[in-house]
N, C-alpha and C. Protein backbone atom coordinates (compact mmCIF):
# COMPACT_ATOMS: atom_id res chain seq x y z
N MET A 1 -8.68 -62.88 -25.53
CA MET A 1 -9.78 -62.74 -24.49
C MET A 1 -9.16 -62.93 -23.18
N THR A 2 -10.26 -61.87 -21.91
CA THR A 2 -9.81 -61.36 -20.80
C THR A 2 -10.73 -62.97 -20.06
N PRO A 3 -9.94 -63.13 -18.75
CA PRO A 3 -10.34 -64.34 -18.13
C PRO A 3 -11.92 -64.25 -17.61
N GLU A 4 -12.48 -63.03 -17.51
CA GLU A 4 -13.84 -63.17 -17.51
C GLU A 4 -14.88 -63.19 -18.39
N GLU A 5 -13.82 -63.38 -19.81
CA GLU A 5 -14.83 -63.72 -20.29
C GLU A 5 -14.72 -64.81 -20.90
N THR A 6 -13.66 -65.99 -20.22
CA THR A 6 -13.64 -67.04 -20.49
C THR A 6 -14.09 -68.26 -18.92
N ASN A 7 -14.42 -67.53 -18.47
CA ASN A 7 -15.25 -67.64 -17.00
C ASN A 7 -14.09 -69.00 -16.40
N GLN A 8 -12.67 -67.93 -16.03
CA GLN A 8 -11.67 -68.70 -16.16
C GLN A 8 -11.17 -67.61 -15.11
N PRO A 9 -10.81 -68.63 -13.89
CA PRO A 9 -10.40 -67.55 -12.13
C PRO A 9 -8.99 -66.81 -13.11
N VAL A 10 -9.28 -65.70 -12.04
CA VAL A 10 -8.47 -64.57 -12.08
C VAL A 10 -6.79 -65.15 -11.34
N THR A 11 -5.60 -65.21 -11.62
CA THR A 11 -4.78 -65.52 -11.02
C THR A 11 -4.47 -64.31 -10.19
N HIS A 12 -3.35 -64.38 -9.05
CA HIS A 12 -2.49 -63.39 -8.02
C HIS A 12 -1.90 -62.58 -9.70
N GLN A 13 -1.40 -62.89 -10.61
CA GLN A 13 -0.32 -62.40 -11.19
C GLN A 13 -1.35 -61.60 -12.26
N GLN A 14 -2.05 -61.75 -12.76
CA GLN A 14 -3.17 -60.61 -13.39
C GLN A 14 -3.64 -60.26 -12.04
N LEU A 15 -4.11 -60.12 -11.71
CA LEU A 15 -4.40 -58.81 -10.34
C LEU A 15 -3.41 -58.17 -9.90
N ARG A 16 -1.88 -58.64 -10.08
CA ARG A 16 -1.08 -58.02 -9.77
C ARG A 16 -0.78 -56.07 -10.78
N ASP A 17 -0.66 -57.26 -11.66
CA ASP A 17 -0.62 -56.25 -13.21
C ASP A 17 -1.62 -55.45 -13.09
N ALA A 18 -2.63 -55.88 -13.49
CA ALA A 18 -4.03 -55.40 -13.17
C ALA A 18 -3.73 -53.71 -12.43
N LEU A 19 -3.68 -54.27 -11.19
CA LEU A 19 -3.58 -53.19 -10.06
C LEU A 19 -2.55 -52.39 -10.40
N ARG A 20 -1.18 -53.20 -10.41
CA ARG A 20 -0.02 -51.49 -11.24
C ARG A 20 -0.46 -51.03 -11.94
N GLU A 21 -1.37 -51.45 -13.43
CA GLU A 21 -1.31 -50.48 -14.23
C GLU A 21 -2.35 -49.76 -13.99
N ALA A 22 -3.23 -49.88 -13.03
CA ALA A 22 -4.73 -48.80 -12.50
C ALA A 22 -3.66 -47.99 -11.34
N LEU A 23 -2.66 -48.65 -10.66
CA LEU A 23 -1.99 -47.75 -9.95
C LEU A 23 -0.84 -46.40 -10.56
N ASP A 24 -0.69 -47.10 -11.44
CA ASP A 24 0.34 -46.01 -12.52
C ASP A 24 -0.81 -44.81 -13.02
N ARG A 25 -1.96 -45.38 -13.35
CA ARG A 25 -2.70 -44.08 -14.21
C ARG A 25 -2.67 -43.35 -13.80
N ALA A 26 -3.06 -43.40 -11.96
CA ALA A 26 -3.36 -43.17 -10.63
C ALA A 26 -2.34 -42.29 -10.79
N VAL A 27 -0.83 -42.56 -10.51
CA VAL A 27 -0.26 -42.06 -9.72
C VAL A 27 0.14 -40.67 -11.18
N GLU A 28 0.25 -41.42 -12.91
CA GLU A 28 0.79 -40.27 -13.98
C GLU A 28 -0.58 -39.43 -13.99
N THR A 29 -1.98 -39.26 -12.85
CA THR A 29 -2.98 -38.32 -13.13
C THR A 29 -2.52 -37.69 -12.30
N ILE A 30 -2.61 -38.00 -10.60
CA ILE A 30 -1.89 -37.11 -9.65
C ILE A 30 -1.10 -35.92 -9.44
N ALA A 31 0.58 -36.43 -10.69
CA ALA A 31 1.21 -35.88 -11.60
C ALA A 31 1.21 -34.98 -11.87
N ALA A 32 0.45 -35.36 -13.10
CA ALA A 32 -0.27 -34.46 -13.97
C ALA A 32 -0.97 -32.86 -13.52
N GLU A 33 -1.72 -33.40 -12.22
CA GLU A 33 -2.98 -32.22 -11.46
C GLU A 33 -1.42 -31.72 -10.64
N PHE A 34 -0.92 -32.28 -9.57
CA PHE A 34 0.35 -31.45 -9.09
C PHE A 34 1.14 -30.93 -10.04
N SER A 35 1.23 -31.19 -11.57
CA SER A 35 2.26 -30.14 -12.47
C SER A 35 1.39 -28.46 -12.80
N THR A 36 0.28 -29.32 -13.22
CA THR A 36 -0.86 -28.01 -13.09
C THR A 36 -1.23 -27.22 -12.20
N ILE A 37 -1.49 -27.42 -10.93
CA ILE A 37 -1.39 -26.98 -9.49
C ILE A 37 -0.17 -26.13 -9.68
N ARG A 38 1.17 -26.57 -9.61
CA ARG A 38 2.28 -25.93 -9.28
C ARG A 38 2.74 -24.66 -10.68
N GLY A 39 2.27 -25.51 -11.86
CA GLY A 39 2.01 -24.32 -12.62
C GLY A 39 1.22 -23.03 -12.11
N GLU A 40 -0.02 -23.59 -12.31
CA GLU A 40 -0.56 -21.81 -11.56
C GLU A 40 -0.41 -21.36 -10.24
N ALA A 41 0.13 -22.20 -9.38
CA ALA A 41 0.97 -21.40 -8.22
C ALA A 41 1.99 -20.58 -8.83
N LYS A 42 2.71 -21.14 -9.30
CA LYS A 42 3.86 -20.14 -10.01
C LYS A 42 3.42 -18.87 -10.77
N THR A 43 2.34 -19.29 -11.86
CA THR A 43 2.03 -18.10 -12.22
C THR A 43 1.41 -17.06 -11.17
N ARG A 44 0.64 -17.48 -10.80
CA ARG A 44 0.14 -16.40 -9.42
C ARG A 44 1.64 -15.90 -8.57
N ALA A 45 1.82 -16.64 -7.93
CA ALA A 45 3.23 -15.86 -7.43
C ALA A 45 3.91 -15.10 -8.01
N GLU A 46 3.93 -15.15 -9.35
CA GLU A 46 4.85 -13.86 -10.66
C GLU A 46 4.06 -12.97 -10.74
N ALA A 47 3.01 -13.34 -10.51
CA ALA A 47 1.72 -11.99 -10.30
C ALA A 47 1.73 -11.46 -9.07
N THR A 48 1.74 -11.88 -8.30
CA THR A 48 1.61 -11.25 -6.87
C THR A 48 3.01 -10.65 -6.71
N ASP A 49 4.69 -11.11 -7.36
CA ASP A 49 5.73 -10.30 -7.46
C ASP A 49 5.43 -9.12 -7.85
N ARG A 50 5.25 -9.12 -9.28
CA ARG A 50 4.63 -7.61 -10.06
C ARG A 50 4.12 -6.71 -9.07
N ARG A 51 3.17 -7.38 -8.79
CA ARG A 51 1.94 -6.40 -7.92
C ARG A 51 2.63 -6.23 -6.88
N LEU A 52 3.84 -6.57 -5.73
CA LEU A 52 4.46 -6.10 -4.86
C LEU A 52 5.43 -5.06 -5.21
N ASP A 53 6.04 -5.27 -6.58
CA ASP A 53 6.98 -4.32 -7.01
C ASP A 53 6.15 -3.36 -7.19
N ARG A 54 5.34 -3.23 -8.20
CA ARG A 54 4.19 -1.75 -8.60
C ARG A 54 3.89 -1.17 -6.94
N ILE A 55 3.59 -1.91 -5.80
CA ILE A 55 3.04 -1.34 -4.55
C ILE A 55 4.44 -0.61 -4.18
N SER A 56 5.39 -1.17 -3.88
CA SER A 56 6.61 -1.25 -3.65
C SER A 56 7.13 0.50 -4.49
N GLU A 57 7.17 0.68 -5.61
CA GLU A 57 7.63 1.72 -6.32
C GLU A 57 6.27 2.80 -5.68
N THR A 58 5.27 2.65 -5.77
CA THR A 58 4.13 3.28 -5.12
C THR A 58 4.52 4.55 -4.02
N LEU A 59 4.82 3.17 -3.29
CA LEU A 59 5.04 3.64 -1.33
C LEU A 59 6.22 4.36 -1.97
N ALA A 60 7.58 4.11 -2.16
CA ALA A 60 9.01 5.16 -2.75
C ALA A 60 8.18 6.33 -3.35
N ASN A 61 7.59 6.66 -3.81
CA ASN A 61 6.93 7.68 -4.75
C ASN A 61 6.60 8.62 -3.90
N LEU A 62 5.12 7.86 -3.17
CA LEU A 62 4.98 8.87 -1.69
C LEU A 62 5.40 9.37 -0.95
N GLU A 63 6.91 8.37 -0.63
CA GLU A 63 7.37 8.53 0.67
C GLU A 63 7.95 9.63 0.44
N SER A 64 8.74 10.46 -1.13
CA SER A 64 9.26 11.23 -1.82
C SER A 64 8.20 12.51 -1.83
N ARG A 65 6.78 12.30 -2.10
CA ARG A 65 6.20 13.78 -2.36
C ARG A 65 5.92 14.02 -0.82
N MET A 66 5.58 12.62 0.36
CA MET A 66 5.46 13.53 1.71
C MET A 66 6.72 14.18 1.92
N GLY A 67 7.90 13.83 1.77
CA GLY A 67 8.98 14.69 1.98
C GLY A 67 9.10 15.64 1.96
N THR A 68 8.79 16.17 0.23
CA THR A 68 8.54 17.63 -0.21
C THR A 68 7.27 18.25 1.09
N MET A 69 6.35 17.41 1.11
CA MET A 69 4.73 17.82 1.90
C MET A 69 5.36 18.36 2.89
N THR A 70 5.99 17.84 3.37
CA THR A 70 6.29 17.75 5.07
C THR A 70 7.26 19.42 5.20
N LYS A 71 7.99 19.40 4.25
CA LYS A 71 9.34 20.41 4.06
C LYS A 71 8.14 21.79 3.84
N TRP A 72 6.83 21.70 2.85
CA TRP A 72 6.08 22.83 2.65
C TRP A 72 5.36 23.08 4.10
N ALA A 73 5.14 22.25 4.63
CA ALA A 73 4.47 22.52 5.87
C ALA A 73 4.96 22.98 6.80
N ASN A 74 5.98 22.69 7.37
CA ASN A 74 7.38 23.26 8.08
C ASN A 74 7.29 24.99 7.59
N THR A 75 7.40 25.60 6.75
CA THR A 75 8.16 26.26 5.63
C THR A 75 6.87 27.20 6.16
N PHE A 76 5.66 26.93 5.90
CA PHE A 76 4.16 27.69 5.85
C PHE A 76 4.07 27.65 7.33
N ASP A 77 4.38 26.24 8.38
CA ASP A 77 4.09 26.94 9.46
C ASP A 77 5.39 27.73 9.96
N ARG A 78 6.60 28.30 9.88
CA ARG A 78 7.52 28.74 10.20
C ARG A 78 6.49 30.77 9.90
N ASP A 79 6.54 30.26 8.37
CA ASP A 79 6.22 31.99 7.94
C ASP A 79 4.76 32.47 8.09
N ASN A 80 3.82 31.79 8.61
CA ASN A 80 2.86 31.83 9.58
C ASN A 80 2.91 32.56 10.86
N ALA A 81 3.93 31.87 11.64
CA ALA A 81 4.11 32.37 12.70
C ALA A 81 4.82 33.35 12.84
N ALA A 82 5.74 33.66 11.97
CA ALA A 82 6.20 35.30 11.57
C ALA A 82 5.67 36.17 11.14
N LEU A 83 4.52 35.80 10.09
CA LEU A 83 3.37 36.64 10.38
C LEU A 83 2.50 37.16 11.15
N ALA A 84 1.63 36.08 11.95
CA ALA A 84 1.16 36.48 12.84
C ALA A 84 2.26 37.23 14.39
N GLY A 85 4.05 36.88 14.43
CA GLY A 85 4.46 37.57 15.17
C GLY A 85 4.33 39.05 14.81
N ASN A 86 4.27 39.77 13.64
CA ASN A 86 4.65 40.71 12.72
C ASN A 86 2.88 41.49 13.38
N PHE A 87 2.07 40.82 13.00
CA PHE A 87 1.12 40.91 13.40
C PHE A 87 0.54 42.05 14.06
N HIS A 88 0.82 41.04 15.32
CA HIS A 88 0.37 41.38 16.84
C HIS A 88 1.47 42.64 17.27
N GLU A 89 3.08 42.68 16.45
CA GLU A 89 3.51 44.01 16.83
C GLU A 89 3.14 44.95 16.13
N GLN A 90 2.28 45.09 14.55
CA GLN A 90 1.39 45.99 13.82
C GLN A 90 0.59 46.76 14.80
N GLN A 91 -0.36 46.06 15.30
CA GLN A 91 -1.66 46.16 16.39
C GLN A 91 -1.36 46.63 17.03
N HIS A 92 0.21 46.44 17.73
CA HIS A 92 0.43 47.36 19.52
C HIS A 92 1.39 48.35 18.92
N ALA A 93 1.87 48.92 18.02
CA ALA A 93 2.53 49.74 17.27
C ALA A 93 1.28 50.68 17.53
N ILE A 94 0.18 50.46 16.09
CA ILE A 94 -0.90 51.07 16.12
C ILE A 94 -2.06 51.50 17.17
N LEU A 95 -1.85 50.66 18.30
CA LEU A 95 -2.64 50.91 19.75
C LEU A 95 -1.59 52.20 20.15
N LEU A 96 -0.40 51.99 20.40
CA LEU A 96 0.28 53.12 20.61
C LEU A 96 0.63 54.43 20.08
N LEU A 97 0.24 54.59 18.41
CA LEU A 97 -0.19 55.43 18.20
C LEU A 97 -1.13 56.27 18.11
N THR A 98 -2.18 55.45 18.15
CA THR A 98 -3.21 55.99 18.37
C THR A 98 -3.77 56.30 19.69
N THR A 99 -3.05 55.79 20.87
CA THR A 99 -3.34 56.26 22.20
C THR A 99 -2.44 57.87 21.74
N ARG A 100 -1.16 57.87 21.50
CA ARG A 100 -0.35 58.90 21.33
C ARG A 100 -1.33 60.09 20.34
N VAL A 101 -1.28 59.67 19.20
CA VAL A 101 -2.31 61.41 18.84
C VAL A 101 -3.33 61.12 19.62
N GLU A 102 -4.34 60.54 20.51
CA GLU A 102 -5.19 61.12 20.85
C GLU A 102 -4.96 62.19 22.27
N ARG A 103 -3.95 61.80 22.90
CA ARG A 103 -3.59 62.80 24.05
C ARG A 103 -2.73 64.06 23.44
N ILE A 104 -2.21 63.86 21.97
CA ILE A 104 -1.72 64.95 21.62
C ILE A 104 -3.04 65.94 21.22
N GLU A 105 -4.23 65.53 20.26
CA GLU A 105 -4.94 65.85 20.35
C GLU A 105 -5.83 66.82 21.26
N ARG A 106 -5.56 66.17 22.96
CA ARG A 106 -6.48 66.90 23.66
C ARG A 106 -5.27 67.50 24.01
N GLU A 107 -4.02 67.72 23.83
CA GLU A 107 -3.02 68.88 23.79
C GLU A 107 -3.61 70.16 23.47
N LEU A 108 -4.12 70.00 22.18
CA LEU A 108 -3.86 70.51 21.35
C LEU A 108 -5.39 71.85 21.07
N HIS A 109 -6.50 70.78 21.34
CA HIS A 109 -7.47 71.07 21.27
C HIS A 109 -8.22 71.01 23.26
N PRO A 110 -8.08 70.72 24.01
CA PRO A 110 -8.82 71.21 25.36
C PRO A 110 -10.32 71.22 25.20
N PRO A 111 -10.79 70.01 25.90
CA PRO A 111 -12.17 70.65 26.12
C PRO A 111 -12.62 71.72 26.63
N GLN A 112 -13.44 72.32 26.25
CA GLN A 112 -14.03 73.82 27.26
C GLN A 112 -15.62 73.88 27.52
């Protein structure tokens, strides 16, 4: 029987024991909650690490591809500049030939 049931006063020792039991249960509950939170945090941190590793691999792959694309773009620009230079040289040569042919035509067939 408890002191409440027998209408006897509760002693300080009984109060301390009851308080100690309640505090022990509270500490155990808090420790269990912290353990659960720690487990969840560890799981999330590991998942984040895996994601970051995949992102790192993807970025390394992109960096490799960008190097190839940059090299291709530089080659394209150089070739395009060379073609543009050749085109202008050909246009100039065609203009000179056209002028020469027109002069020869005038000499061979003077206007009457």
